[in-house]
Amino acid sequence: MKETESKSTYDLSKTDPKCAEWMDDCIKRLYSEFPFQSGDYEDLNLKVSPENSIASIMSIDEITAILRLIEPILMEENSLLEVQAPIKIIGDLHADFDNLMRLFGLIGKVPKEKLLFLGNYVDMGMDGIEVTLMLFCLKIRYRDRIFLLRGNHETPGVNKIYGFYAECDYKYGVGVWWDFQCCFNRLPMACLISQKVLCMHGGLSPELTTLNKIRSIERPNEPISSGLEMDLLWADPTNRGDGWFQSYRGISYLFGKQVVEQACKRLKITLIIRSHMVISDGFEVMTGRRLITVTHQKLTPISSLSHPSQVTLPTTPLTADLDSAIANYDMKIVKRFVKF
């Protein structure tokens, strides 16, 4: 995919003193799309209208400016993010803006804590633009607290089929879809938390012999066919055996308990956290208690809602004690998502 330069009337300089003010205004306008019931955001003084829509509150020129501004910020980060706990880790959102807002209402105002999103911001919903723009604006405004990984749906071959292309075309035109792909191609691939916990969207890879393999992934890129990048986006754990198996997805692999244990030992990590799979409870400890899947959860048909799950890694347990805690199945170190 050829990347082209886009012109904008907005000043994208990081040194622009008005940039923070502009981002705050963008975030406020995006919040205005959600009819808040919580008092957490009363200070925003919003006038919520059912007629609010993304096209009515943000022009295509402004969206282009945001997308151009996020690109160098993402490229300043390594393909393997390295951050320290405490941090909250959030699974697939899949174009569900209402649930992103409910999540913020539950875990508090974003600037107060670090958040890691595991990808799949678009497709299978109607609000992929809103979800992605909100996360990008928050990243621009609070870049040391918001961390974004790439999911398998942040690739053009997938999101052209599963809804994001049609959403972009309907709301703004095909051109903005191409601009989003340029940003997705720059998203980091994995995150190492406190040197102990490795997070990615998909899973492990036969090519993941050292963490430097992830660090050396060049961006922007479009993962194709097979290889480390595809496995980080597409691989899944399985309890049916210990080794590597052909994936039912037709892409990448399934990997078993022994693969996870060997990877933890080889990479000198204690835990793997990923998303990518639909789990009935939104949260599951798998493959010998060394891997956690946290993902998009469907509620009962009565509520007809959905929400992403999240886990919290506090600072203290990320030491040698984490090994015994996992072995004893002490899930106090990984706080389960509070349902709403």
Protein backbone atom coordinates (compact mmCIF):
# COMPACT_ATOMS: atom_id res chain seq x y z
CA MET A 1 0.00 0.00 0.00
CA LYS A 2 1.52 3.32 -1.03
CA GLU A 3 1.55 5.99 1.64
CA THR A 4 0.99 9.58 0.58
CA GLU A 5 1.36 12.90 2.31
CA SER A 6 -1.82 14.71 3.34
CA LYS A 7 -2.02 18.44 3.80
CA SER A 8 -3.94 20.02 6.65
CA THR A 9 -4.79 23.46 7.93
CA TYR A 10 -3.89 22.32 11.47
CA ASP A 11 -0.47 22.94 12.99
CA LEU A 12 0.93 19.51 13.86
CA SER A 13 4.09 20.71 15.60
CA LYS A 14 4.71 19.00 18.94
CA THR A 15 6.06 22.30 20.21
CA ASP A 16 2.85 24.13 19.41
CA PRO A 17 1.52 25.36 22.77
CA LYS A 18 -2.02 25.04 21.43
CA CYS A 19 -1.65 21.34 20.61
CA ALA A 20 -2.64 20.18 24.11
CA GLU A 21 -5.60 22.55 24.09
CA TRP A 22 -6.66 21.24 20.69
CA MET A 23 -6.42 17.61 21.85
CA ASP A 24 -8.45 18.39 24.96
CA ASP A 25 -11.11 19.91 22.74
CA CYS A 26 -11.10 16.87 20.41
CA ILE A 27 -11.43 14.51 23.37
CA LYS A 28 -14.26 16.59 24.81
CA ARG A 29 -16.15 16.53 21.52
CA LEU A 30 -15.70 12.78 21.20
CA TYR A 31 -16.96 12.30 24.75
CA SER A 32 -20.04 14.31 23.79
CA GLU A 33 -21.20 11.42 21.60
CA PHE A 34 -21.84 9.30 24.68
CA PRO A 35 -24.89 10.03 26.91
CA PHE A 36 -23.13 9.83 30.27
CA GLN A 37 -24.99 8.66 33.33
CA SER A 38 -21.91 8.78 35.55
CA GLY A 39 -20.80 11.87 37.42
CA ASP A 40 -17.19 11.17 36.46
CA TYR A 41 -17.40 13.53 33.52
CA GLU A 42 -19.69 16.25 34.84
CA ASP A 43 -16.80 18.70 34.67
CA LEU A 44 -16.87 18.45 30.87
CA ASN A 45 -20.10 20.49 30.83
CA LEU A 46 -21.37 18.67 27.78
CA LYS A 47 -24.64 19.20 26.01
CA VAL A 48 -25.40 15.73 24.75
CA SER A 49 -27.74 15.48 21.79
CA PRO A 50 -29.07 12.31 20.14
CA GLU A 51 -28.25 13.98 16.83
CA ASN A 52 -24.56 14.08 17.65
CA SER A 53 -22.43 12.13 15.19
CA ILE A 54 -18.74 11.99 14.42
CA ALA A 55 -19.22 13.78 11.10
CA SER A 56 -21.07 16.63 12.82
CA ILE A 57 -18.38 17.23 15.44
CA MET A 58 -15.14 16.54 13.55
CA SER A 59 -14.27 17.40 9.96
CA ILE A 60 -12.29 15.16 7.66
CA ASP A 61 -9.53 17.79 7.63
CA GLU A 62 -9.25 17.60 11.41
CA ILE A 63 -9.22 13.80 11.36
CA THR A 64 -6.44 13.87 8.78
CA ALA A 65 -4.48 16.19 11.06
CA ILE A 66 -4.88 13.85 14.04
CA LEU A 67 -3.77 10.87 11.98
CA ARG A 68 -0.72 12.72 10.72
CA LEU A 69 0.15 13.79 14.25
CA ILE A 70 -0.06 10.29 15.74
CA GLU A 71 2.25 8.73 13.13
CA PRO A 72 5.59 10.15 14.41
CA ILE A 73 4.50 9.58 18.01
CA LEU A 74 3.99 5.88 17.31
CA MET A 75 7.29 5.71 15.44
CA GLU A 76 9.12 7.16 18.44
CA GLU A 77 8.25 3.94 20.27
CA ASN A 78 9.93 0.59 19.70
CA SER A 79 8.05 -2.32 18.17
CA LEU A 80 8.36 -3.82 21.67
CA LEU A 81 7.04 -1.33 24.21
CA GLU A 82 8.67 -1.57 27.63
CA VAL A 83 6.71 -0.07 30.53
CA GLN A 84 6.55 -0.45 34.27
CA ALA A 85 3.58 -1.54 36.37
CA PRO A 86 1.06 -0.57 37.64
CA ILE A 87 -0.88 -0.68 34.40
CA LYS A 88 -4.31 -1.78 33.20
CA ILE A 89 -4.47 -4.09 30.19
CA ILE A 90 -7.57 -3.93 28.01
CA GLY A 91 -8.77 -6.43 25.41
CA ASP A 92 -10.58 -6.08 22.09
CA LEU A 93 -12.93 -3.12 21.65
CA HIS A 94 -14.18 -3.86 18.11
CA ALA A 95 -15.69 -0.49 17.21
CA ASP A 96 -17.82 -0.26 20.36
CA PHE A 97 -17.50 3.35 21.49
CA ASP A 98 -20.21 3.15 24.15
CA ASN A 99 -18.35 0.40 25.95
CA LEU A 100 -15.05 2.26 25.73
CA MET A 101 -16.77 5.12 27.53
CA ARG A 102 -18.25 2.79 30.14
CA LEU A 103 -14.81 1.33 30.66
CA PHE A 104 -13.39 4.79 31.32
CA GLY A 105 -16.22 5.38 33.76
CA LEU A 106 -15.28 2.23 35.67
CA ILE A 107 -11.52 2.54 35.81
CA GLY A 108 -11.33 6.28 36.33
CA LYS A 109 -10.18 9.24 34.33
CA VAL A 110 -7.56 8.14 31.86
CA PRO A 111 -4.76 10.58 32.70
CA LYS A 112 -4.45 9.18 36.23
CA GLU A 113 -3.11 5.75 35.25
CA LYS A 114 -1.36 3.81 32.51
CA LEU A 115 -3.51 1.84 30.05
CA LEU A 116 -2.38 -0.77 27.53
CA PHE A 117 -4.81 -1.64 24.73
CA LEU A 118 -4.20 -4.97 22.98
CA GLY A 119 -5.56 -4.05 19.55
CA ASN A 120 -8.68 -4.73 17.47
CA TYR A 121 -10.11 -1.25 17.74
CA VAL A 122 -12.12 -1.52 14.52
CA ASP A 123 -14.53 -3.90 12.71
CA MET A 124 -17.61 -5.80 13.88
CA GLY A 125 -19.20 -2.58 15.12
CA MET A 126 -20.33 0.84 13.95
CA ASP A 127 -17.90 3.12 15.81
CA GLY A 128 -14.44 2.13 14.66
CA ILE A 129 -13.57 5.71 13.72
CA GLU A 130 -14.74 7.06 17.08
CA VAL A 131 -12.91 4.39 19.10
CA THR A 132 -9.66 4.80 17.19
CA LEU A 133 -9.76 8.60 17.19
CA MET A 134 -10.41 8.69 20.93
CA LEU A 135 -7.45 6.41 21.60
CA PHE A 136 -5.22 8.35 19.21
CA CYS A 137 -6.18 11.69 20.79
CA LEU A 138 -5.52 10.30 24.27
CA LYS A 139 -2.18 8.93 23.06
CA ILE A 140 -1.19 12.31 21.64
CA ARG A 141 -2.25 14.09 24.82
CA TYR A 142 -0.95 11.54 27.36
CA ARG A 143 1.67 9.59 25.46
CA ASP A 144 3.41 8.29 28.59
CA ARG A 145 0.17 6.78 29.94
CA ILE A 146 -1.65 5.43 26.89
CA PHE A 147 -0.10 2.51 25.00
CA LEU A 148 -1.60 0.99 21.86
CA LEU A 149 -0.73 -2.35 20.26
CA ARG A 150 -1.69 -3.60 16.83
CA GLY A 151 -4.37 -6.24 16.44
CA ASN A 152 -5.08 -8.47 13.47
CA HIS A 153 -7.96 -6.16 12.52
CA GLU A 154 -5.54 -3.25 12.21
CA THR A 155 -4.50 -4.63 8.84
CA PRO A 156 -6.05 -3.61 5.50
CA GLY A 157 -6.76 -7.13 4.32
CA VAL A 158 -8.96 -7.73 7.37
CA ASN A 159 -10.65 -4.40 8.06
CA LYS A 160 -11.56 -3.95 4.42
CA ILE A 161 -13.78 -7.01 4.78
CA TYR A 162 -15.13 -6.86 8.33
CA GLY A 163 -16.68 -3.41 8.44
CA PHE A 164 -14.16 -0.61 8.89
CA TYR A 165 -13.79 0.11 5.18
CA ALA A 166 -17.56 0.43 4.77
CA GLU A 167 -17.78 2.60 7.90
CA CYS A 168 -15.10 4.99 6.63
CA ASP A 169 -16.69 5.14 3.19
CA TYR A 170 -20.11 5.90 4.67
CA LYS A 171 -18.96 8.56 7.14
CA TYR A 172 -16.11 10.33 5.31
CA GLY A 173 -15.09 8.54 2.12
CA VAL A 174 -12.53 5.90 1.23
CA GLY A 175 -9.60 8.30 1.53
CA VAL A 176 -9.79 8.40 5.31
CA TRP A 177 -9.64 4.58 5.41
CA TRP A 178 -6.27 4.71 3.67
CA ASP A 179 -5.06 7.32 6.17
CA PHE A 180 -6.00 5.04 9.08
CA GLN A 181 -4.02 2.18 7.51
CA CYS A 182 -0.89 4.35 7.48
CA CYS A 183 -1.30 4.76 11.25
CA PHE A 184 -2.09 1.09 11.87
CA ASN A 185 1.11 0.14 10.03
CA ARG A 186 3.06 2.04 12.70
CA LEU A 187 1.49 0.52 15.81
CA PRO A 188 3.85 -1.41 18.14
CA MET A 189 3.54 -5.20 18.09
CA ALA A 190 4.02 -6.19 21.75
CA CYS A 191 4.66 -4.81 25.23
CA LEU A 192 6.95 -5.98 28.04
CA ILE A 193 5.74 -4.95 31.50
CA SER A 194 8.30 -4.69 34.29
CA GLN A 195 10.53 -7.21 32.48
CA LYS A 196 8.13 -9.96 33.60
CA VAL A 197 4.91 -9.90 31.56
CA LEU A 198 4.78 -10.05 27.76
CA CYS A 199 1.63 -8.75 26.08
CA MET A 200 0.52 -9.00 22.48
CA HIS A 201 -2.71 -9.29 20.54
CA GLY A 202 -2.31 -12.81 19.18
CA GLY A 203 0.34 -15.11 20.56
CA LEU A 204 3.72 -16.78 20.39
CA SER A 205 5.77 -17.64 17.33
CA PRO A 206 8.38 -20.29 16.47
CA GLU A 207 10.52 -17.33 15.39
CA LEU A 208 10.31 -15.64 18.81
CA THR A 209 13.65 -16.88 20.14
CA THR A 210 14.57 -13.62 21.90
CA LEU A 211 12.77 -10.39 22.71
CA ASN A 212 15.19 -8.64 20.37
CA LYS A 213 13.30 -10.33 17.53
CA ILE A 214 10.32 -8.12 18.37
CA ARG A 215 12.49 -5.07 18.97
CA SER A 216 13.96 -5.44 15.49
CA ILE A 217 10.60 -5.49 13.66
CA GLU A 218 10.67 -2.60 11.23
CA ARG A 219 7.72 -0.28 10.89
CA PRO A 220 5.67 0.82 9.07
CA ASN A 221 4.86 -2.64 7.82
CA GLU A 222 2.07 -4.79 6.48
CA PRO A 223 2.40 -8.34 7.84
CA ILE A 224 1.75 -10.82 5.06
CA SER A 225 1.57 -14.58 4.67
CA SER A 226 3.61 -15.88 7.63
CA GLY A 227 6.31 -14.99 10.12
CA LEU A 228 6.79 -13.38 13.51
CA GLU A 229 4.58 -10.37 12.82
CA MET A 230 1.68 -12.54 11.69
CA ASP A 231 2.02 -14.82 14.72
CA LEU A 232 2.01 -11.88 17.14
CA LEU A 233 -1.30 -10.84 15.56
CA TRP A 234 -2.92 -14.22 14.84
CA ALA A 235 -1.60 -17.13 16.96
CA ASP A 236 -3.80 -18.76 19.62
CA PRO A 237 -3.15 -20.96 22.67
CA THR A 238 -4.72 -24.40 22.91
CA ASN A 239 -5.19 -26.94 25.68
CA ARG A 240 -5.31 -29.89 23.29
CA GLY A 241 -1.56 -30.59 23.31
CA ASP A 242 1.92 -29.36 24.14
CA GLY A 243 3.39 -28.37 20.79
CA TRP A 244 2.61 -26.36 17.67
CA PHE A 245 -0.51 -27.11 15.63
CA GLN A 246 -2.13 -25.84 12.46
CA SER A 247 -4.55 -23.04 13.30
CA TYR A 248 -8.25 -23.37 12.55
CA ARG A 249 -8.05 -19.78 11.30
CA GLY A 250 -5.91 -20.84 8.35
CA ILE A 251 -3.25 -18.34 9.46
CA SER A 252 -0.41 -18.77 11.96
CA TYR A 253 -0.45 -21.49 14.67
CA LEU A 254 -2.04 -22.92 17.76
CA PHE A 255 0.45 -23.46 20.59
CA GLY A 256 0.22 -25.59 23.72
CA LYS A 257 1.34 -25.60 27.34
CA GLN A 258 4.89 -26.76 26.70
CA VAL A 259 5.45 -24.01 24.13
CA VAL A 260 4.29 -21.41 26.66
CA GLU A 261 6.50 -22.79 29.43
CA GLN A 262 9.54 -22.93 27.16
CA ALA A 263 8.92 -19.40 25.91
CA CYS A 264 8.61 -18.04 29.45
CA LYS A 265 11.91 -19.69 30.38
CA ARG A 266 13.70 -18.64 27.19
CA LEU A 267 12.46 -15.05 27.28
CA LYS A 268 12.87 -14.81 31.07
CA ILE A 269 9.27 -13.77 31.60
CA THR A 270 6.62 -15.02 34.00
CA LEU A 271 3.33 -14.40 32.24
CA ILE A 272 1.83 -13.81 28.80
CA ILE A 273 -1.31 -11.69 28.38
CA ARG A 274 -3.11 -11.53 25.04
CA SER A 275 -6.59 -11.15 23.53
CA HIS A 276 -7.78 -12.18 20.02
CA MET A 277 -10.14 -14.99 21.16
CA VAL A 278 -13.79 -14.85 22.20
CA ILE A 279 -14.00 -16.06 25.81
CA SER A 280 -17.41 -16.56 27.42
CA ASP A 281 -16.40 -14.76 30.62
CA GLY A 282 -14.11 -12.30 28.84
CA PHE A 283 -11.15 -13.62 30.85
CA GLU A 284 -9.44 -17.00 31.02
CA VAL A 285 -6.22 -18.42 32.45
CA MET A 286 -4.86 -20.96 29.96
CA THR A 287 -1.98 -23.34 29.18
CA GLY A 288 -0.64 -24.05 32.63
CA ARG A 289 -1.48 -20.73 34.26
CA ARG A 290 1.25 -18.90 32.38
CA LEU A 291 -1.07 -17.26 29.86
CA ILE A 292 -4.15 -15.09 30.24
CA THR A 293 -6.61 -14.26 27.47
CA VAL A 294 -8.58 -11.07 28.05
CA THR A 295 -11.00 -10.14 25.32
CA HIS A 296 -14.35 -8.83 24.12
CA GLN A 297 -17.19 -10.16 26.26
CA LYS A 298 -20.84 -10.43 25.32
CA LEU A 299 -23.41 -9.89 28.04
CA THR A 300 -26.79 -11.57 28.20
CA PRO A 301 -29.22 -11.05 25.31
CA ILE A 302 -31.44 -9.04 27.67
CA SER A 303 -28.93 -6.22 27.90
CA SER A 304 -27.67 -6.75 24.34
CA LEU A 305 -24.46 -4.97 25.30
CA SER A 306 -20.84 -5.98 25.19
CA HIS A 307 -17.71 -4.84 26.91
CA PRO A 308 -13.98 -5.34 26.83
CA SER A 309 -12.37 -7.09 29.74
CA GLN A 310 -9.30 -5.77 31.48
CA VAL A 311 -6.79 -6.92 34.02
CA THR A 312 -4.72 -4.87 36.42
CA LEU A 313 -1.09 -5.59 37.15
CA PRO A 314 -0.03 -3.83 40.36
CA THR A 315 3.58 -2.94 41.01
CA THR A 316 4.46 -5.21 43.93
CA PRO A 317 3.78 -8.72 42.56
CA LEU A 318 5.99 -8.20 39.50
CA THR A 319 8.96 -9.77 41.23
CA ALA A 320 10.10 -13.34 41.78
CA ASP A 321 6.99 -13.79 43.94
CA LEU A 322 4.90 -13.73 40.79
CA ASP A 323 6.14 -17.22 39.88
CA SER A 324 4.78 -18.80 43.05
CA ALA A 325 1.60 -16.74 42.83
CA ILE A 326 0.82 -18.07 39.36
CA ALA A 327 1.76 -21.61 40.39
CA ASN A 328 -0.67 -21.39 43.30
CA TYR A 329 -3.37 -19.95 41.03
CA ASP A 330 -3.51 -16.84 43.21
CA MET A 331 -5.48 -14.57 40.94
CA LYS A 332 -5.41 -11.70 43.42
CA ILE A 333 -2.40 -10.45 41.48
CA VAL A 334 -4.56 -10.14 38.39
CA LYS A 335 -7.77 -8.37 39.34
CA ARG A 336 -10.71 -9.59 37.35
CA PHE A 337 -12.77 -7.13 35.38
CA VAL A 338 -15.66 -5.58 37.32
CA LYS A 339 -18.78 -6.22 35.26
CA PHE A 340 -21.28 -3.47 34.64
